[in-house]
């Protein structure tokens, strides 16, 4: 059970409490209301009575002394809370590399990827890229390159040249399908 004090403690302990006086000239009322001192000193205050703080607030202009460009710059800085910004994905960490054997950072978009190639190969479909792999070709190439490589591979993998082997026949079917895909491609120039 708690005991009550005979004489409760007071904040002043018998001393007279401090009262601010209104800072308006000639006013002797208590300064209970604060108002910002200046735009560059918002954490410092002037103290006024109710009547004078209303007057002060009506006359006080936060943007006094600034031209339109400076005001616009101030507003734009406030939209980002005056914090540094950079383009999305433009800031790369120069810190230690993270060991990521499961490639989870790739899924999250955290790893650095090389910039995409803009050499014309980005227009190829996945089927056309697979066909290039079957014919063992690399970009850039033309229809003539495809035809000459097709003829070389047919001579190597034809079943008659391999004694009727089934695996050579299957490989020839893959080569024929790849050649048909690339021959019908709109992305390969003729020459």
C-alpha atoms as a PDB file:
ATOM      1  CA  UNK A   1       0.000   0.000   0.000  1.00  0.00           C
ATOM      2  CA  UNK A   2       1.396   3.372  -0.955  1.00  0.00           C
ATOM      3  CA  UNK A   3       1.632   6.234   1.460  1.00  0.00           C
ATOM      4  CA  UNK A   4       0.442   9.732   0.696  1.00  0.00           C
ATOM      5  CA  UNK A   5       2.667  12.692   1.251  1.00  0.00           C
ATOM      6  CA  UNK A   6       1.603  15.127   3.898  1.00  0.00           C
ATOM      7  CA  UNK A   7       2.618  18.049   1.661  1.00  0.00           C
ATOM      8  CA  UNK A   8       2.469  17.299  -2.090  1.00  0.00           C
ATOM      9  CA  UNK A   9       5.440  18.454  -4.165  1.00  0.00           C
ATOM     10  CA  UNK A  10       4.840  21.482  -6.363  1.00  0.00           C
ATOM     11  CA  UNK A  11       6.680  22.472  -9.484  1.00  0.00           C
ATOM     12  CA  UNK A  12       7.799  25.767  -7.985  1.00  0.00           C
ATOM     13  CA  UNK A  13       8.495  24.627  -4.428  1.00  0.00           C
ATOM     14  CA  UNK A  14       7.359  27.993  -3.129  1.00  0.00           C
ATOM     15  CA  UNK A  15       9.168  30.108  -5.743  1.00  0.00           C
ATOM     16  CA  UNK A  16       7.204  32.448  -7.976  1.00  0.00           C
ATOM     17  CA  UNK A  17       6.498  30.928 -11.421  1.00  0.00           C
ATOM     18  CA  UNK A  18       8.207  32.576 -14.439  1.00  0.00           C
ATOM     19  CA  UNK A  19       5.905  34.477 -16.792  1.00  0.00           C
ATOM     20  CA  UNK A  20       7.046  35.718 -20.186  1.00  0.00           C
ATOM     21  CA  UNK A  21       6.027  39.248 -21.086  1.00  0.00           C
ATOM     22  CA  UNK A  22       4.618  40.042 -24.534  1.00  0.00           C
ATOM     23  CA  UNK A  23       7.380  41.294 -26.841  1.00  0.00           C
ATOM     24  CA  UNK A  24       5.134  43.890 -28.509  1.00  0.00           C
ATOM     25  CA  UNK A  25       6.182  47.463 -27.681  1.00  0.00           C
ATOM     26  CA  UNK A  26       4.300  48.867 -24.715  1.00  0.00           C
ATOM     27  CA  UNK A  27       2.396  45.640 -23.898  1.00  0.00           C
ATOM     28  CA  UNK A  28       2.738  44.261 -20.373  1.00  0.00           C
ATOM     29  CA  UNK A  29       0.449  41.222 -20.815  1.00  0.00           C
ATOM     30  CA  UNK A  30       1.692  37.671 -20.409  1.00  0.00           C
ATOM     31  CA  UNK A  31       3.431  36.279 -23.566  1.00  0.00           C
ATOM     32  CA  UNK A  32       1.794  32.867 -23.836  1.00  0.00           C
ATOM     33  CA  UNK A  33       1.860  32.406 -27.617  1.00  0.00           C
ATOM     34  CA  UNK A  34       4.962  31.779 -29.636  1.00  0.00           C
ATOM     35  CA  UNK A  35       5.637  32.870 -33.184  1.00  0.00           C
ATOM     36  CA  UNK A  36       8.644  31.965 -35.387  1.00  0.00           C
ATOM     37  CA  UNK A  37      11.473  34.460 -35.262  1.00  0.00           C
ATOM     38  CA  UNK A  38      12.521  34.285 -38.948  1.00  0.00           C
ATOM     39  CA  UNK A  39      12.481  31.957 -41.953  1.00  0.00           C
ATOM     40  CA  UNK A  40      16.054  30.826 -41.313  1.00  0.00           C
ATOM     41  CA  UNK A  41      15.514  30.495 -37.526  1.00  0.00           C
ATOM     42  CA  UNK A  42      12.307  28.494 -37.228  1.00  0.00           C
ATOM     43  CA  UNK A  43      13.456  26.859 -34.015  1.00  0.00           C
ATOM     44  CA  UNK A  44      13.656  30.238 -32.214  1.00  0.00           C
ATOM     45  CA  UNK A  45      10.500  31.996 -31.103  1.00  0.00           C
ATOM     46  CA  UNK A  46       9.120  35.354 -30.110  1.00  0.00           C
ATOM     47  CA  UNK A  47       6.473  35.392 -27.396  1.00  0.00           C
ATOM     48  CA  UNK A  48       3.299  37.489 -27.602  1.00  0.00           C
ATOM     49  CA  UNK A  49      -0.078  37.881 -26.019  1.00  0.00           C
ATOM     50  CA  UNK A  50      -3.054  36.615 -28.048  1.00  0.00           C
ATOM     51  CA  UNK A  51      -3.842  39.991 -29.675  1.00  0.00           C
ATOM     52  CA  UNK A  52      -0.254  40.671 -30.741  1.00  0.00           C
ATOM     53  CA  UNK A  53       0.469  37.122 -31.972  1.00  0.00           C
ATOM     54  CA  UNK A  54      -2.542  37.446 -34.290  1.00  0.00           C
ATOM     55  CA  UNK A  55      -1.176  40.744 -35.622  1.00  0.00           C
ATOM     56  CA  UNK A  56       2.313  39.299 -36.009  1.00  0.00           C
ATOM     57  CA  UNK A  57       1.012  36.248 -37.902  1.00  0.00           C
ATOM     58  CA  UNK A  58      -1.064  38.400 -40.268  1.00  0.00           C
ATOM     59  CA  UNK A  59       1.962  40.541 -41.172  1.00  0.00           C
ATOM     60  CA  UNK A  60       4.605  37.807 -41.219  1.00  0.00           C
ATOM     61  CA  UNK A  61       5.537  36.553 -44.718  1.00  0.00           C
ATOM     62  CA  UNK A  62       7.636  33.407 -44.837  1.00  0.00           C
ATOM     63  CA  UNK A  63       8.846  34.167 -48.381  1.00  0.00           C
ATOM     64  CA  UNK A  64       9.619  37.867 -47.813  1.00  0.00           C
ATOM     65  CA  UNK A  65      12.755  38.888 -49.716  1.00  0.00           C
ATOM     66  CA  UNK A  66      12.690  35.945 -52.170  1.00  0.00           C
ATOM     67  CA  UNK A  67      11.981  36.222 -55.879  1.00  0.00           C
ATOM     68  CA  UNK A  68       9.691  33.814 -57.762  1.00  0.00           C
ATOM     69  CA  UNK A  69      12.544  31.488 -58.789  1.00  0.00           C
ATOM     70  CA  UNK A  70      13.803  31.144 -55.237  1.00  0.00           C
ATOM     71  CA  UNK A  71      10.279  30.449 -53.980  1.00  0.00           C
ATOM     72  CA  UNK A  72       9.809  27.743 -56.645  1.00  0.00           C
ATOM     73  CA  UNK A  73      13.167  26.185 -55.718  1.00  0.00           C
ATOM     74  CA  UNK A  74      12.181  26.207 -52.035  1.00  0.00           C
ATOM     75  CA  UNK A  75       8.846  24.492 -52.771  1.00  0.00           C
ATOM     76  CA  UNK A  76      10.501  21.829 -54.954  1.00  0.00           C
ATOM     77  CA  UNK A  77      13.048  21.095 -52.210  1.00  0.00           C
ATOM     78  CA  UNK A  78      10.185  20.663 -49.730  1.00  0.00           C
ATOM     79  CA  UNK A  79       8.483  18.046 -51.933  1.00  0.00           C
ATOM     80  CA  UNK A  80      11.405  15.674 -51.267  1.00  0.00           C
ATOM     81  CA  UNK A  81      11.841  16.749 -47.646  1.00  0.00           C
ATOM     82  CA  UNK A  82      15.164  18.392 -48.530  1.00  0.00           C
ATOM     83  CA  UNK A  83      16.819  14.987 -48.930  1.00  0.00           C
ATOM     84  CA  UNK A  84      19.277  14.032 -51.678  1.00  0.00           C
ATOM     85  CA  UNK A  85      17.727  12.193 -54.629  1.00  0.00           C
ATOM     86  CA  UNK A  86      19.045  10.274 -57.630  1.00  0.00           C
ATOM     87  CA  UNK A  87      17.442   8.569 -60.624  1.00  0.00           C
ATOM     88  CA  UNK A  88      15.873   5.194 -59.937  1.00  0.00           C
ATOM     89  CA  UNK A  89      18.499   2.523 -60.457  1.00  0.00           C
ATOM     90  CA  UNK A  90      21.187   5.154 -61.037  1.00  0.00           C
ATOM     91  CA  UNK A  91      22.878   4.772 -57.676  1.00  0.00           C
ATOM     92  CA  UNK A  92      24.967   1.656 -57.378  1.00  0.00           C
ATOM     93  CA  UNK A  93      26.640   0.565 -54.207  1.00  0.00           C
ATOM     94  CA  UNK A  94      30.398   0.510 -54.277  1.00  0.00           C
ATOM     95  CA  UNK A  95      30.408  -1.585 -51.111  1.00  0.00           C
ATOM     96  CA  UNK A  96      31.255  -5.256 -50.737  1.00  0.00           C
ATOM     97  CA  UNK A  97      29.662  -7.739 -53.093  1.00  0.00           C
ATOM     98  CA  UNK A  98      27.132 -10.099 -51.545  1.00  0.00           C
ATOM     99  CA  UNK A  99      27.629 -13.832 -52.028  1.00  0.00           C
ATOM    100  CA  UNK A 100      24.312 -14.967 -53.514  1.00  0.00           C
ATOM    101  CA  UNK A 101      24.474 -18.614 -54.649  1.00  0.00           C
ATOM    102  CA  UNK A 102      20.700 -18.806 -55.195  1.00  0.00           C
ATOM    103  CA  UNK A 103      20.580 -15.647 -57.360  1.00  0.00           C
ATOM    104  CA  UNK A 104      17.912 -14.085 -55.148  1.00  0.00           C
ATOM    105  CA  UNK A 105      19.322 -10.623 -55.778  1.00  0.00           C
ATOM    106  CA  UNK A 106      18.561 -11.058 -59.493  1.00  0.00           C
ATOM    107  CA  UNK A 107      14.898 -11.735 -58.718  1.00  0.00           C
ATOM    108  CA  UNK A 108      14.762  -8.656 -56.501  1.00  0.00           C
ATOM    109  CA  UNK A 109      16.461  -6.503 -59.145  1.00  0.00           C
ATOM    110  CA  UNK A 110      19.472  -5.820 -56.917  1.00  0.00           C
ATOM    111  CA  UNK A 111      22.277  -7.195 -59.047  1.00  0.00           C
ATOM    112  CA  UNK A 112      24.046  -5.137 -61.620  1.00  0.00           C
ATOM    113  CA  UNK A 113      23.107  -6.121 -65.124  1.00  0.00           C
ATOM    114  CA  UNK A 114      25.019  -5.145 -68.225  1.00  0.00           C
ATOM    115  CA  UNK A 115      23.284  -2.572 -70.397  1.00  0.00           C
ATOM    116  CA  UNK A 116      21.193  -4.163 -73.152  1.00  0.00           C
ATOM    117  CA  UNK A 117      22.808  -4.566 -76.555  1.00  0.00           C
ATOM    118  CA  UNK A 118      21.314  -2.386 -79.236  1.00  0.00           C
ATOM    119  CA  UNK A 119      22.862  -4.067 -82.265  1.00  0.00           C
ATOM    120  CA  UNK A 120      19.636  -5.393 -83.785  1.00  0.00           C
ATOM    121  CA  UNK A 121      19.703  -8.755 -82.013  1.00  0.00           C
ATOM    122  CA  UNK A 122      17.170  -7.494 -79.456  1.00  0.00           C
ATOM    123  CA  UNK A 123      14.508  -7.775 -82.178  1.00  0.00           C
ATOM    124  CA  UNK A 124      15.023 -11.528 -82.567  1.00  0.00           C
ATOM    125  CA  UNK A 125      12.417 -13.827 -81.085  1.00  0.00           C
ATOM    126  CA  UNK A 126      13.391 -16.608 -78.691  1.00  0.00           C
ATOM    127  CA  UNK A 127      12.744 -19.189 -81.422  1.00  0.00           C
ATOM    128  CA  UNK A 128      15.162 -17.347 -83.726  1.00  0.00           C
ATOM    129  CA  UNK A 129      17.798 -17.206 -80.977  1.00  0.00           C
ATOM    130  CA  UNK A 130      17.382 -20.947 -80.338  1.00  0.00           C
ATOM    131  CA  UNK A 131      17.717 -21.631 -84.059  1.00  0.00           C
ATOM    132  CA  UNK A 132      20.944 -19.618 -84.132  1.00  0.00           C
ATOM    133  CA  UNK A 133      22.226 -21.819 -81.286  1.00  0.00           C
ATOM    134  CA  UNK A 134      21.367 -25.025 -83.166  1.00  0.00           C
ATOM    135  CA  UNK A 135      23.177 -23.778 -86.273  1.00  0.00           C
ATOM    136  CA  UNK A 136      26.057 -22.541 -84.055  1.00  0.00           C
ATOM    137  CA  UNK A 137      25.803 -18.990 -85.394  1.00  0.00           C
ATOM    138  CA  UNK A 138      26.208 -15.650 -83.652  1.00  0.00           C
ATOM    139  CA  UNK A 139      24.889 -12.166 -84.352  1.00  0.00           C
ATOM    140  CA  UNK A 140      25.255 -10.279 -86.728  1.00  0.00           C
ATOM    141  CA  UNK A 141      24.385 -12.570 -89.612  1.00  0.00           C
ATOM    142  CA  UNK A 142      22.598 -12.543 -92.941  1.00  0.00           C
ATOM    143  CA  UNK A 143      20.397 -15.009 -94.863  1.00  0.00           C
ATOM    144  CA  UNK A 144      23.469 -15.950 -96.894  1.00  0.00           C
ATOM    145  CA  UNK A 145      25.407 -16.837 -93.695  1.00  0.00           C
ATOM    146  CA  UNK A 146      22.510 -19.013 -92.535  1.00  0.00           C
ATOM    147  CA  UNK A 147      22.295 -20.838 -95.871  1.00  0.00           C
ATOM    148  CA  UNK A 148      26.036 -21.569 -96.046  1.00  0.00           C
ATOM    149  CA  UNK A 149      26.125 -22.814 -92.433  1.00  0.00           C
ATOM    150  CA  UNK A 150      23.067 -24.982 -93.104  1.00  0.00           C
ATOM    151  CA  UNK A 151      24.790 -26.639 -96.070  1.00  0.00           C
ATOM    152  CA  UNK A 152      27.916 -27.357 -93.987  1.00  0.00           C
ATOM    153  CA  UNK A 153      25.920 -28.950 -91.145  1.00  0.00           C
ATOM    154  CA  UNK A 154      23.760 -31.045 -93.528  1.00  0.00           C
ATOM    155  CA  UNK A 155      26.911 -32.527 -95.069  1.00  0.00           C
ATOM    156  CA  UNK A 156      28.250 -33.402 -91.609  1.00  0.00           C
ATOM    157  CA  UNK A 157      25.034 -34.763 -90.042  1.00  0.00           C
ATOM    158  CA  UNK A 158      23.255 -36.411 -92.981  1.00  0.00           C
ATOM    159  CA  UNK A 159      22.340 -40.045 -92.130  1.00  0.00           C
ATOM    160  CA  UNK A 160      23.854 -41.341 -95.398  1.00  0.00           C
ATOM    161  CA  UNK A 161      27.212 -39.781 -94.410  1.00  0.00           C
ATOM    162  CA  UNK A 162      26.967 -41.381 -90.941  1.00  0.00           C
ATOM    163  CA  UNK A 163      25.917 -44.894 -91.921  1.00  0.00           C
ATOM    164  CA  UNK A 164      22.231 -44.397 -91.118  1.00  0.00           C
ATOM    165  CA  UNK A 165      22.807 -43.456 -87.435  1.00  0.00           C
ATOM    166  CA  UNK A 166      19.583 -42.470 -85.586  1.00  0.00           C
ATOM    167  CA  UNK A 167      21.248 -39.663 -83.616  1.00  0.00           C
ATOM    168  CA  UNK A 168      22.531 -38.092 -86.850  1.00  0.00           C
ATOM    169  CA  UNK A 169      19.002 -38.266 -88.250  1.00  0.00           C
ATOM    170  CA  UNK A 170      17.589 -36.508 -85.141  1.00  0.00           C
ATOM    171  CA  UNK A 171      20.282 -33.830 -85.331  1.00  0.00           C
ATOM    172  CA  UNK A 172      19.462 -33.274 -89.017  1.00  0.00           C
ATOM    173  CA  UNK A 173      15.778 -32.775 -88.103  1.00  0.00           C
ATOM    174  CA  UNK A 174      16.813 -30.098 -85.573  1.00  0.00           C
ATOM    175  CA  UNK A 175      19.023 -28.403 -88.167  1.00  0.00           C
ATOM    176  CA  UNK A 176      16.194 -28.414 -90.746  1.00  0.00           C
ATOM    177  CA  UNK A 177      13.755 -26.882 -88.250  1.00  0.00           C
ATOM    178  CA  UNK A 178      16.293 -24.210 -87.251  1.00  0.00           C
ATOM    179  CA  UNK A 179      17.013 -23.384 -90.886  1.00  0.00           C
ATOM    180  CA  UNK A 180      13.282 -23.057 -91.623  1.00  0.00           C
ATOM    181  CA  UNK A 181      12.853 -20.703 -88.665  1.00  0.00           C
ATOM    182  CA  UNK A 182      15.741 -18.437 -89.687  1.00  0.00           C
ATOM    183  CA  UNK A 183      14.820 -18.508 -93.376  1.00  0.00           C
ATOM    184  CA  UNK A 184      11.330 -17.201 -92.501  1.00  0.00           C
ATOM    185  CA  UNK A 185      12.744 -14.530 -90.178  1.00  0.00           C
ATOM    186  CA  UNK A 186      12.044 -10.889 -91.059  1.00  0.00           C
ATOM    187  CA  UNK A 187      14.952  -9.684 -88.944  1.00  0.00           C
ATOM    188  CA  UNK A 188      17.787 -11.069 -91.059  1.00  0.00           C
ATOM    189  CA  UNK A 189      19.044  -9.064 -94.058  1.00  0.00           C
ATOM    190  CA  UNK A 190      19.522 -10.891 -97.369  1.00  0.00           C
ATOM    191  CA  UNK A 191      23.180  -9.983 -97.763  1.00  0.00           C
END
